[in-house]
């Protein structure tokens, strides 16, 4: 594959992920966005920190 194609492909995937669309690629797998809720994290020293909500990109390979 040439570099120009890979850049264009990455840009299309990036645009779709930003729109929170699921991307399915035959023979490779699926990309999708999963929302993580806010949660509390407690450290060993007892300090408690609120972790902000975030969106994570997930990948499921095709079997």
N, C-alpha and C. Protein backbone atom coordinates (compact mmCIF):
# COMPACT_ATOMS: atom_id res chain seq x y z
N UNK A 1 0.85 -1.18 0.00
CA UNK A 1 0.00 0.00 0.00
C UNK A 1 0.88 1.23 0.00
N UNK A 2 0.45 2.23 -0.71
CA UNK A 2 1.29 3.42 -0.71
C UNK A 2 0.90 4.36 0.43
N UNK A 3 1.79 5.24 0.74
CA UNK A 3 1.65 6.14 1.89
C UNK A 3 0.44 7.06 1.76
N UNK A 4 0.15 7.52 0.57
CA UNK A 4 -0.99 8.42 0.36
C UNK A 4 -2.30 7.72 0.69
N UNK A 5 -2.44 6.45 0.28
CA UNK A 5 -3.65 5.69 0.60
C UNK A 5 -3.80 5.53 2.11
N UNK A 6 -2.72 5.18 2.80
CA UNK A 6 -2.79 4.97 4.24
C UNK A 6 -3.17 6.25 4.98
N UNK A 7 -2.66 7.38 4.55
CA UNK A 7 -3.02 8.66 5.17
C UNK A 7 -4.50 8.95 4.96
N UNK A 8 -4.99 8.72 3.75
CA UNK A 8 -6.41 8.96 3.45
C UNK A 8 -7.30 8.02 4.25
N UNK A 9 -6.90 6.76 4.34
CA UNK A 9 -7.65 5.77 5.11
C UNK A 9 -7.72 6.18 6.58
N UNK A 10 -6.59 6.58 7.15
CA UNK A 10 -6.55 7.00 8.55
C UNK A 10 -7.44 8.22 8.78
N UNK A 11 -7.46 9.13 7.84
CA UNK A 11 -8.29 10.33 7.97
C UNK A 11 -9.78 9.98 7.97
N UNK A 12 -10.19 9.07 7.09
CA UNK A 12 -11.59 8.65 7.04
C UNK A 12 -11.99 7.96 8.35
N UNK A 13 -11.15 7.07 8.84
CA UNK A 13 -11.43 6.39 10.11
C UNK A 13 -11.52 7.41 11.23
N UNK A 14 -10.60 8.35 11.28
CA UNK A 14 -10.59 9.39 12.32
C UNK A 14 -11.88 10.20 12.29
N UNK A 15 -12.31 10.62 11.10
CA UNK A 15 -13.55 11.41 10.97
C UNK A 15 -14.76 10.64 11.48
N UNK A 16 -14.83 9.35 11.15
CA UNK A 16 -15.97 8.55 11.58
C UNK A 16 -15.96 8.31 13.09
N UNK A 17 -14.78 8.12 13.66
CA UNK A 17 -14.67 7.92 15.11
C UNK A 17 -15.08 9.19 15.84
N UNK A 18 -14.69 10.34 15.33
CA UNK A 18 -15.08 11.61 15.95
C UNK A 18 -16.60 11.75 15.96
N UNK A 19 -17.26 11.26 14.92
CA UNK A 19 -18.72 11.29 14.83
C UNK A 19 -19.38 10.15 15.61
N UNK A 20 -18.56 9.33 16.27
CA UNK A 20 -19.00 8.19 17.07
C UNK A 20 -19.72 7.13 16.24
N UNK A 21 -19.30 6.97 15.00
CA UNK A 21 -19.84 5.93 14.13
C UNK A 21 -18.99 4.67 14.24
N UNK A 22 -19.61 3.52 14.06
CA UNK A 22 -18.89 2.25 14.04
C UNK A 22 -18.32 2.04 12.64
N UNK A 23 -17.08 1.61 12.56
CA UNK A 23 -16.42 1.37 11.29
C UNK A 23 -16.13 -0.11 11.17
N UNK A 24 -16.69 -0.76 10.16
CA UNK A 24 -16.45 -2.19 9.93
C UNK A 24 -15.67 -2.36 8.63
N UNK A 25 -14.55 -3.10 8.73
CA UNK A 25 -13.70 -3.32 7.57
C UNK A 25 -13.63 -4.83 7.34
N UNK A 26 -14.15 -5.28 6.20
CA UNK A 26 -14.15 -6.71 5.89
C UNK A 26 -12.74 -7.27 5.91
N UNK A 27 -12.58 -8.38 6.59
CA UNK A 27 -11.29 -9.05 6.65
C UNK A 27 -10.36 -8.52 7.71
N UNK A 28 -10.74 -7.41 8.37
CA UNK A 28 -9.88 -6.81 9.40
C UNK A 28 -10.59 -6.79 10.75
N UNK A 29 -11.71 -6.07 10.83
CA UNK A 29 -12.45 -5.99 12.08
C UNK A 29 -13.25 -4.71 12.16
N UNK A 30 -13.62 -4.34 13.39
CA UNK A 30 -14.47 -3.17 13.61
C UNK A 30 -13.84 -2.23 14.63
N UNK A 31 -13.98 -0.93 14.37
CA UNK A 31 -13.62 0.11 15.31
C UNK A 31 -14.91 0.73 15.81
N UNK A 32 -14.98 1.05 17.10
CA UNK A 32 -16.13 1.76 17.63
C UNK A 32 -15.71 2.56 18.85
N UNK A 33 -16.57 3.51 19.24
CA UNK A 33 -16.29 4.36 20.39
C UNK A 33 -17.11 3.87 21.57
N UNK A 34 -16.46 3.71 22.70
CA UNK A 34 -17.14 3.29 23.93
C UNK A 34 -16.97 4.39 24.97
N UNK A 35 -18.08 4.84 25.54
CA UNK A 35 -18.05 5.90 26.55
C UNK A 35 -17.76 5.31 27.93
N UNK A 36 -16.79 5.88 28.61
CA UNK A 36 -16.45 5.47 29.98
C UNK A 36 -17.00 6.53 30.93
N UNK A 37 -17.77 6.11 31.93
CA UNK A 37 -18.34 7.04 32.90
C UNK A 37 -17.28 7.55 33.86
N UNK A 38 -17.62 8.64 34.54
CA UNK A 38 -16.77 9.19 35.58
C UNK A 38 -16.70 8.18 36.73
N UNK A 39 -15.53 8.07 37.37
CA UNK A 39 -15.41 7.15 38.50
C UNK A 39 -14.36 7.66 39.48
N UNK A 40 -14.40 7.10 40.69
CA UNK A 40 -13.43 7.46 41.73
C UNK A 40 -12.29 6.46 41.71
N UNK A 41 -11.08 6.98 41.84
CA UNK A 41 -9.89 6.13 41.91
C UNK A 41 -9.21 6.41 43.24
N UNK A 42 -8.94 5.34 43.99
CA UNK A 42 -8.29 5.51 45.28
C UNK A 42 -6.86 4.96 45.20
N UNK A 43 -5.90 5.80 45.59
CA UNK A 43 -4.51 5.41 45.58
C UNK A 43 -4.13 4.74 46.90
N UNK A 44 -2.98 4.08 46.92
CA UNK A 44 -2.51 3.37 48.10
C UNK A 44 -2.38 4.28 49.32
N UNK A 45 -2.08 5.56 49.11
CA UNK A 45 -1.91 6.48 50.23
C UNK A 45 -3.24 7.01 50.76
N UNK A 46 -4.36 6.54 50.20
CA UNK A 46 -5.69 6.93 50.65
C UNK A 46 -6.29 8.08 49.88
N UNK A 47 -5.52 8.71 49.04
CA UNK A 47 -6.01 9.84 48.24
C UNK A 47 -7.05 9.35 47.24
N UNK A 48 -8.17 10.07 47.15
CA UNK A 48 -9.25 9.73 46.23
C UNK A 48 -9.33 10.81 45.17
N UNK A 49 -9.37 10.39 43.92
CA UNK A 49 -9.41 11.31 42.79
C UNK A 49 -10.58 10.93 41.89
N UNK A 50 -11.34 11.94 41.44
CA UNK A 50 -12.41 11.69 40.47
C UNK A 50 -11.80 11.69 39.08
N UNK A 51 -11.97 10.58 38.39
CA UNK A 51 -11.48 10.47 37.02
C UNK A 51 -12.61 10.94 36.08
N UNK A 52 -12.31 11.81 35.14
CA UNK A 52 -13.36 12.36 34.27
C UNK A 52 -13.88 11.32 33.28
N UNK A 53 -15.10 11.53 32.79
CA UNK A 53 -15.61 10.64 31.74
C UNK A 53 -14.79 10.81 30.48
N UNK A 54 -14.75 9.76 29.66
CA UNK A 54 -13.99 9.84 28.41
C UNK A 54 -14.54 8.83 27.42
N UNK A 55 -14.22 9.07 26.17
CA UNK A 55 -14.55 8.14 25.10
C UNK A 55 -13.28 7.40 24.71
N UNK A 56 -13.38 6.08 24.53
CA UNK A 56 -12.25 5.27 24.14
C UNK A 56 -12.55 4.57 22.82
N UNK A 57 -11.55 4.47 21.98
CA UNK A 57 -11.70 3.76 20.71
C UNK A 57 -11.38 2.29 20.97
N UNK A 58 -12.29 1.43 20.57
CA UNK A 58 -12.12 -0.01 20.73
C UNK A 58 -12.00 -0.66 19.36
N UNK A 59 -11.32 -1.80 19.31
CA UNK A 59 -11.16 -2.55 18.08
C UNK A 59 -11.48 -4.01 18.35
N UNK A 60 -12.32 -4.60 17.51
CA UNK A 60 -12.64 -6.02 17.59
C UNK A 60 -12.15 -6.66 16.29
N UNK A 61 -11.13 -7.51 16.36
CA UNK A 61 -10.65 -8.15 15.13
C UNK A 61 -11.67 -9.15 14.59
N UNK A 62 -11.71 -9.27 13.27
CA UNK A 62 -12.61 -10.24 12.64
C UNK A 62 -12.02 -11.63 12.79
N UNK A 63 -12.87 -12.57 13.08
CA UNK A 63 -12.38 -13.96 13.26
C UNK A 63 -12.54 -14.76 12.02
